[in-house]
Amino acid sequence: MSATDTLVRCPWSVDSQIYRDYHDQEWGRPLHGDDALFERLCLEAFQSGLSWITILRKRPAFRLGFAGFVIDRVAEFGDADRERLLADSAIVRNRAKIDACIANAKVARELDTGLDELLWSFAPPRRPRPREIGDIPAVTPESTALAKELKRRGFRFVGPTTAYALMQATGMVDDHLSECWVDSRHTCLG
C-alpha cells in the first residue's frame, strides 16, 4: 500500500498486495457466468484447510492446469489429465480435490438451468453490511441449503462453510465491513 493510499479496507486484506487487489477488485462483487462461478467453486474447494493467499498465488497455474475452468473442457478430463495435475507442483496436488473438480465439471455440464442460475437461487436478500469481523458468520441457513442441494446433485467438496465462502467471494452476500470503501454492488468482470 502506498503512503497516499488511505482507503479503509476489511482487515483481512491489508497484509499483502495480492490480498488488497483481490479485496478491491473481486471479493464480494456479484459474479455471473457458469465458467467463472465454476472456477470460484473449484478454488474454494482447493482452499479448504489452506490459506486463501496460497490459492491466490497459485491461481494462474490452476487456470492453466484446469483449462481456464471451462466446464465443458474440464468435464472431458481423464486419467492422463488427473496424473498431469497431480504432478504439477504449481497447484495444490490433492487427489480428492482434483477429482472433485473434474467430477463437479461433469455435474455442472449436465445442469438443466446452468450453474449460475443454480448458485444464485440461494442468494439471500441483501442485508446491512457487518460492522466488525465477529459479525460475519461462517455458515448460514442459505449456505447450508446450497451445500445440501449441490451434494444432492452430485457435487463434491462443497460443505456449508465452503458454500458460504463461495457466496461471499461471488457477491451473493456482501460481507465487506460497513466502513470498507468497496462498493460491492458493481459486477466483477470475472
C-alpha atoms as a PDB file:
ATOM      1  CA  MET A   1       0.000   0.000   0.000  1.00  0.00           C
ATOM      2  CA  SER A   2       1.374   3.400  -0.891  1.00  0.00           C
ATOM      3  CA  ALA A   3       1.727   6.176   1.676  1.00  0.00           C
ATOM      4  CA  THR A   4      -1.055   8.059  -0.112  1.00  0.00           C
ATOM      5  CA  ASP A   5      -3.498   5.132  -0.017  1.00  0.00           C
ATOM      6  CA  THR A   6      -5.820   5.946   2.865  1.00  0.00           C
ATOM      7  CA  LEU A   7      -8.717   3.726   1.835  1.00  0.00           C
ATOM      8  CA  VAL A   8     -10.401   1.840   4.659  1.00  0.00           C
ATOM      9  CA  ARG A   9     -10.466  -1.878   3.880  1.00  0.00           C
ATOM     10  CA  CYS A  10     -11.611  -5.059   5.565  1.00  0.00           C
ATOM     11  CA  PRO A  11      -8.819  -6.022   7.998  1.00  0.00           C
ATOM     12  CA  TRP A  12      -8.007  -9.369   6.353  1.00  0.00           C
ATOM     13  CA  SER A  13      -6.968  -7.604   3.147  1.00  0.00           C
ATOM     14  CA  VAL A  14      -4.274  -5.230   4.353  1.00  0.00           C
ATOM     15  CA  ASP A  15      -1.302  -7.561   4.890  1.00  0.00           C
ATOM     16  CA  SER A  16      -0.294  -8.083   1.264  1.00  0.00           C
ATOM     17  CA  GLN A  17      -0.772  -6.591  -2.176  1.00  0.00           C
ATOM     18  CA  ILE A  18      -2.307  -9.794  -3.525  1.00  0.00           C
ATOM     19  CA  TYR A  19      -4.967  -9.668  -0.788  1.00  0.00           C
ATOM     20  CA  ARG A  20      -5.591  -5.941  -1.368  1.00  0.00           C
ATOM     21  CA  ASP A  21      -6.013  -6.458  -5.107  1.00  0.00           C
ATOM     22  CA  TYR A  22      -8.378  -9.404  -4.594  1.00  0.00           C
ATOM     23  CA  HIS A  23     -10.364  -7.469  -1.983  1.00  0.00           C
ATOM     24  CA  ASP A  24     -10.545  -4.259  -4.012  1.00  0.00           C
ATOM     25  CA  GLN A  25     -11.296  -5.791  -7.405  1.00  0.00           C
ATOM     26  CA  GLU A  26     -13.120  -9.094  -6.876  1.00  0.00           C
ATOM     27  CA  TRP A  27     -14.197 -10.249  -3.438  1.00  0.00           C
ATOM     28  CA  GLY A  28     -17.853  -9.631  -2.730  1.00  0.00           C
ATOM     29  CA  ARG A  29     -18.677  -8.263  -6.162  1.00  0.00           C
ATOM     30  CA  PRO A  30     -21.505 -10.013  -7.994  1.00  0.00           C
ATOM     31  CA  LEU A  31     -20.063 -12.583 -10.362  1.00  0.00           C
ATOM     32  CA  HIS A  32     -22.039 -14.343 -13.076  1.00  0.00           C
ATOM     33  CA  GLY A  33     -21.289 -16.889 -15.771  1.00  0.00           C
ATOM     34  CA  ASP A  34     -21.136 -20.651 -15.455  1.00  0.00           C
ATOM     35  CA  ASP A  35     -17.391 -20.973 -16.101  1.00  0.00           C
ATOM     36  CA  ALA A  36     -16.459 -18.025 -13.846  1.00  0.00           C
ATOM     37  CA  LEU A  37     -18.547 -19.447 -10.998  1.00  0.00           C
ATOM     38  CA  PHE A  38     -17.137 -22.923 -11.632  1.00  0.00           C
ATOM     39  CA  GLU A  39     -13.629 -21.523 -11.172  1.00  0.00           C
ATOM     40  CA  ARG A  40     -14.589 -19.999  -7.836  1.00  0.00           C
ATOM     41  CA  LEU A  41     -16.329 -23.203  -6.751  1.00  0.00           C
ATOM     42  CA  CYS A  42     -13.161 -25.175  -7.503  1.00  0.00           C
ATOM     43  CA  LEU A  43     -10.818 -22.663  -5.873  1.00  0.00           C
ATOM     44  CA  GLU A  44     -12.931 -22.543  -2.708  1.00  0.00           C
ATOM     45  CA  ALA A  45     -12.760 -26.347  -2.541  1.00  0.00           C
ATOM     46  CA  PHE A  46      -8.979 -26.279  -3.040  1.00  0.00           C
ATOM     47  CA  GLN A  47      -8.688 -23.662  -0.290  1.00  0.00           C
ATOM     48  CA  SER A  48     -10.278 -25.941   2.309  1.00  0.00           C
ATOM     49  CA  GLY A  49      -7.644 -26.429   5.008  1.00  0.00           C
ATOM     50  CA  LEU A  50      -5.225 -23.928   3.446  1.00  0.00           C
ATOM     51  CA  SER A  51      -4.773 -20.176   3.489  1.00  0.00           C
ATOM     52  CA  TRP A  52      -6.551 -18.208   0.788  1.00  0.00           C
ATOM     53  CA  ILE A  53      -3.325 -16.431  -0.158  1.00  0.00           C
ATOM     54  CA  THR A  54      -1.873 -19.807  -1.172  1.00  0.00           C
ATOM     55  CA  ILE A  55      -4.726 -20.265  -3.630  1.00  0.00           C
ATOM     56  CA  LEU A  56      -4.445 -16.708  -4.954  1.00  0.00           C
ATOM     57  CA  ARG A  57      -0.718 -17.158  -5.578  1.00  0.00           C
ATOM     58  CA  LYS A  58      -1.360 -20.411  -7.424  1.00  0.00           C
ATOM     59  CA  ARG A  59      -4.401 -19.139  -9.318  1.00  0.00           C
ATOM     60  CA  PRO A  60      -2.618 -18.619 -12.671  1.00  0.00           C
ATOM     61  CA  ALA A  61      -1.308 -22.190 -12.506  1.00  0.00           C
ATOM     62  CA  PHE A  62      -4.754 -23.500 -11.569  1.00  0.00           C
ATOM     63  CA  ARG A  63      -6.225 -21.699 -14.580  1.00  0.00           C
ATOM     64  CA  LEU A  64      -3.589 -23.195 -16.844  1.00  0.00           C
ATOM     65  CA  GLY A  65      -3.910 -26.686 -15.408  1.00  0.00           C
ATOM     66  CA  PHE A  66      -7.707 -26.692 -15.450  1.00  0.00           C
ATOM     67  CA  ALA A  67      -8.139 -25.330 -18.997  1.00  0.00           C
ATOM     68  CA  GLY A  68      -9.329 -21.927 -17.816  1.00  0.00           C
ATOM     69  CA  PHE A  69     -12.029 -23.671 -15.764  1.00  0.00           C
ATOM     70  CA  VAL A  70     -14.175 -24.058 -18.880  1.00  0.00           C
ATOM     71  CA  ILE A  71     -16.735 -26.565 -17.655  1.00  0.00           C
ATOM     72  CA  ASP A  72     -17.024 -28.486 -20.933  1.00  0.00           C
ATOM     73  CA  ARG A  73     -13.252 -28.890 -21.174  1.00  0.00           C
ATOM     74  CA  VAL A  74     -12.696 -29.961 -17.551  1.00  0.00           C
ATOM     75  CA  ALA A  75     -15.615 -32.408 -17.790  1.00  0.00           C
ATOM     76  CA  GLU A  76     -13.646 -34.234 -20.501  1.00  0.00           C
ATOM     77  CA  PHE A  77     -10.524 -34.671 -18.334  1.00  0.00           C
ATOM     78  CA  GLY A  78      -9.431 -38.273 -17.992  1.00  0.00           C
ATOM     79  CA  ASP A  79      -6.734 -40.257 -16.219  1.00  0.00           C
ATOM     80  CA  ALA A  80      -3.871 -38.565 -18.089  1.00  0.00           C
ATOM     81  CA  ASP A  81      -5.148 -35.134 -17.054  1.00  0.00           C
ATOM     82  CA  ARG A  82      -5.539 -36.274 -13.454  1.00  0.00           C
ATOM     83  CA  GLU A  83      -1.949 -37.557 -13.395  1.00  0.00           C
ATOM     84  CA  ARG A  84      -0.702 -34.356 -15.062  1.00  0.00           C
ATOM     85  CA  LEU A  85      -2.405 -32.279 -12.351  1.00  0.00           C
ATOM     86  CA  LEU A  86      -1.084 -34.499  -9.559  1.00  0.00           C
ATOM     87  CA  ALA A  87       2.441 -33.952 -10.902  1.00  0.00           C
ATOM     88  CA  ASP A  88       2.032 -30.167 -11.213  1.00  0.00           C
ATOM     89  CA  SER A  89       3.840 -28.567  -8.258  1.00  0.00           C
ATOM     90  CA  ALA A  90       2.463 -25.141  -9.242  1.00  0.00           C
ATOM     91  CA  ILE A  91      -1.013 -26.110  -7.956  1.00  0.00           C
ATOM     92  CA  VAL A  92      -2.312 -27.847  -4.834  1.00  0.00           C
ATOM     93  CA  ARG A  93      -1.729 -31.521  -5.563  1.00  0.00           C
ATOM     94  CA  ASN A  94      -4.564 -33.084  -3.603  1.00  0.00           C
ATOM     95  CA  ARG A  95      -6.093 -36.072  -5.357  1.00  0.00           C
ATOM     96  CA  ALA A  96      -9.502 -35.739  -3.668  1.00  0.00           C
ATOM     97  CA  LYS A  97      -9.768 -32.057  -4.612  1.00  0.00           C
ATOM     98  CA  ILE A  98      -8.583 -32.639  -8.186  1.00  0.00           C
ATOM     99  CA  ASP A  99     -11.062 -35.487  -8.577  1.00  0.00           C
ATOM    100  CA  ALA A 100     -13.813 -33.302  -7.098  1.00  0.00           C
ATOM    101  CA  CYS A 101     -13.111 -30.505  -9.574  1.00  0.00           C
ATOM    102  CA  ILE A 102     -13.315 -32.904 -12.517  1.00  0.00           C
ATOM    103  CA  ALA A 103     -16.435 -34.623 -11.162  1.00  0.00           C
ATOM    104  CA  ASN A 104     -18.053 -31.253 -10.441  1.00  0.00           C
ATOM    105  CA  ALA A 105     -17.458 -30.177 -14.038  1.00  0.00           C
ATOM    106  CA  LYS A 106     -19.317 -33.260 -15.229  1.00  0.00           C
ATOM    107  CA  VAL A 107     -22.239 -32.462 -12.924  1.00  0.00           C
ATOM    108  CA  ALA A 108     -22.237 -28.760 -13.862  1.00  0.00           C
ATOM    109  CA  ARG A 109     -22.270 -29.638 -17.567  1.00  0.00           C
ATOM    110  CA  GLU A 110     -25.481 -31.612 -17.085  1.00  0.00           C
ATOM    111  CA  LEU A 111     -27.415 -28.953 -15.143  1.00  0.00           C
ATOM    112  CA  ASP A 112     -30.599 -28.025 -16.951  1.00  0.00           C
ATOM    113  CA  THR A 113     -30.571 -24.400 -15.742  1.00  0.00           C
ATOM    114  CA  GLY A 114     -26.813 -23.812 -15.569  1.00  0.00           C
ATOM    115  CA  LEU A 115     -24.500 -23.332 -12.615  1.00  0.00           C
ATOM    116  CA  ASP A 116     -25.067 -19.569 -12.445  1.00  0.00           C
ATOM    117  CA  GLU A 117     -28.820 -19.883 -12.006  1.00  0.00           C
ATOM    118  CA  LEU A 118     -28.479 -22.735  -9.502  1.00  0.00           C
ATOM    119  CA  LEU A 119     -25.966 -20.958  -7.263  1.00  0.00           C
ATOM    120  CA  TRP A 120     -27.649 -17.563  -7.356  1.00  0.00           C
ATOM    121  CA  SER A 121     -31.024 -19.104  -6.486  1.00  0.00           C
ATOM    122  CA  PHE A 122     -29.651 -19.496  -2.945  1.00  0.00           C
ATOM    123  CA  ALA A 123     -28.534 -15.879  -2.543  1.00  0.00           C
ATOM    124  CA  PRO A 124     -30.244 -14.371   0.495  1.00  0.00           C
ATOM    125  CA  PRO A 125     -31.916 -10.969   0.441  1.00  0.00           C
ATOM    126  CA  ARG A 126     -29.461  -8.085   0.743  1.00  0.00           C
ATOM    127  CA  ARG A 127     -28.742  -7.221   4.364  1.00  0.00           C
ATOM    128  CA  PRO A 128     -26.771  -4.452   6.063  1.00  0.00           C
ATOM    129  CA  ARG A 129     -23.012  -4.863   5.996  1.00  0.00           C
ATOM    130  CA  PRO A 130     -21.403  -6.254   9.147  1.00  0.00           C
ATOM    131  CA  ARG A 131     -19.813  -3.727  11.495  1.00  0.00           C
ATOM    132  CA  GLU A 132     -16.901  -5.949  12.548  1.00  0.00           C
ATOM    133  CA  ILE A 133     -15.288  -9.256  11.644  1.00  0.00           C
ATOM    134  CA  GLY A 134     -17.006 -11.005  14.552  1.00  0.00           C
ATOM    135  CA  ASP A 135     -20.384 -10.239  12.960  1.00  0.00           C
ATOM    136  CA  ILE A 136     -19.587 -12.387   9.917  1.00  0.00           C
ATOM    137  CA  PRO A 137     -20.888 -15.957  10.110  1.00  0.00           C
ATOM    138  CA  ALA A 138     -19.014 -18.990   8.816  1.00  0.00           C
ATOM    139  CA  VAL A 139     -22.255 -20.758   7.867  1.00  0.00           C
ATOM    140  CA  THR A 140     -25.782 -19.554   7.207  1.00  0.00           C
ATOM    141  CA  PRO A 141     -29.088 -21.315   6.537  1.00  0.00           C
ATOM    142  CA  GLU A 142     -28.668 -20.366   2.871  1.00  0.00           C
ATOM    143  CA  SER A 143     -25.150 -21.808   2.620  1.00  0.00           C
ATOM    144  CA  THR A 144     -26.314 -24.972   4.357  1.00  0.00           C
ATOM    145  CA  ALA A 145     -29.207 -25.289   1.899  1.00  0.00           C
ATOM    146  CA  LEU A 146     -26.873 -24.601  -1.054  1.00  0.00           C
ATOM    147  CA  ALA A 147     -24.373 -27.227   0.122  1.00  0.00           C
ATOM    148  CA  LYS A 148     -27.170 -29.751   0.603  1.00  0.00           C
ATOM    149  CA  GLU A 149     -28.543 -29.107  -2.899  1.00  0.00           C
ATOM    150  CA  LEU A 150     -25.103 -29.277  -4.500  1.00  0.00           C
ATOM    151  CA  LYS A 151     -24.423 -32.586  -2.742  1.00  0.00           C
ATOM    152  CA  ARG A 152     -27.844 -33.917  -3.796  1.00  0.00           C
ATOM    153  CA  ARG A 153     -26.956 -33.155  -7.401  1.00  0.00           C
ATOM    154  CA  GLY A 154     -23.581 -34.920  -7.105  1.00  0.00           C
ATOM    155  CA  PHE A 155     -21.160 -32.057  -6.411  1.00  0.00           C
ATOM    156  CA  ARG A 156     -18.234 -32.860  -4.113  1.00  0.00           C
ATOM    157  CA  PHE A 157     -16.132 -30.907  -1.634  1.00  0.00           C
ATOM    158  CA  VAL A 158     -18.689 -28.161  -1.047  1.00  0.00           C
ATOM    159  CA  GLY A 159     -19.914 -28.156   2.547  1.00  0.00           C
ATOM    160  CA  PRO A 160     -21.801 -25.305   4.224  1.00  0.00           C
ATOM    161  CA  THR A 161     -18.633 -23.353   5.151  1.00  0.00           C
ATOM    162  CA  THR A 162     -17.176 -23.640   1.650  1.00  0.00           C
ATOM    163  CA  ALA A 163     -20.577 -22.722   0.203  1.00  0.00           C
ATOM    164  CA  TYR A 164     -20.666 -19.593   2.371  1.00  0.00           C
ATOM    165  CA  ALA A 165     -17.137 -18.624   1.341  1.00  0.00           C
ATOM    166  CA  LEU A 166     -18.286 -19.014  -2.278  1.00  0.00           C
ATOM    167  CA  MET A 167     -21.304 -16.800  -1.573  1.00  0.00           C
ATOM    168  CA  GLN A 168     -19.009 -14.140  -0.083  1.00  0.00           C
ATOM    169  CA  ALA A 169     -16.468 -14.316  -2.896  1.00  0.00           C
ATOM    170  CA  THR A 170     -19.053 -14.041  -5.649  1.00  0.00           C
ATOM    171  CA  GLY A 171     -21.176 -11.284  -4.145  1.00  0.00           C
ATOM    172  CA  MET A 172     -24.192 -13.376  -3.226  1.00  0.00           C
ATOM    173  CA  VAL A 173     -23.672 -11.810   0.189  1.00  0.00           C
ATOM    174  CA  ASP A 174     -21.850  -8.580   0.984  1.00  0.00           C
ATOM    175  CA  ASP A 175     -19.560  -9.151   3.942  1.00  0.00           C
ATOM    176  CA  HIS A 176     -17.380  -6.105   3.378  1.00  0.00           C
ATOM    177  CA  LEU A 177     -17.395  -4.291   6.685  1.00  0.00           C
ATOM    178  CA  SER A 178     -19.609  -1.222   6.904  1.00  0.00           C
ATOM    179  CA  GLU A 179     -16.595   1.124   6.907  1.00  0.00           C
ATOM    180  CA  CYS A 180     -14.942  -0.522   3.875  1.00  0.00           C
ATOM    181  CA  TRP A 181     -14.583   1.659   0.801  1.00  0.00           C
ATOM    182  CA  VAL A 182     -15.531  -1.063  -1.705  1.00  0.00           C
ATOM    183  CA  ASP A 183     -18.933  -0.689  -3.310  1.00  0.00           C
ATOM    184  CA  SER A 184     -19.626  -4.346  -3.969  1.00  0.00           C
ATOM    185  CA  ARG A 185     -22.842  -3.734  -5.886  1.00  0.00           C
ATOM    186  CA  HIS A 186     -20.859  -3.488  -9.115  1.00  0.00           C
ATOM    187  CA  THR A 187     -20.337  -6.656 -11.095  1.00  0.00           C
ATOM    188  CA  CYS A 188     -16.851  -8.077 -11.304  1.00  0.00           C
ATOM    189  CA  LEU A 189     -15.538  -8.669 -14.798  1.00  0.00           C
ATOM    190  CA  GLY A 190     -14.543 -12.197 -13.801  1.00  0.00           C
END
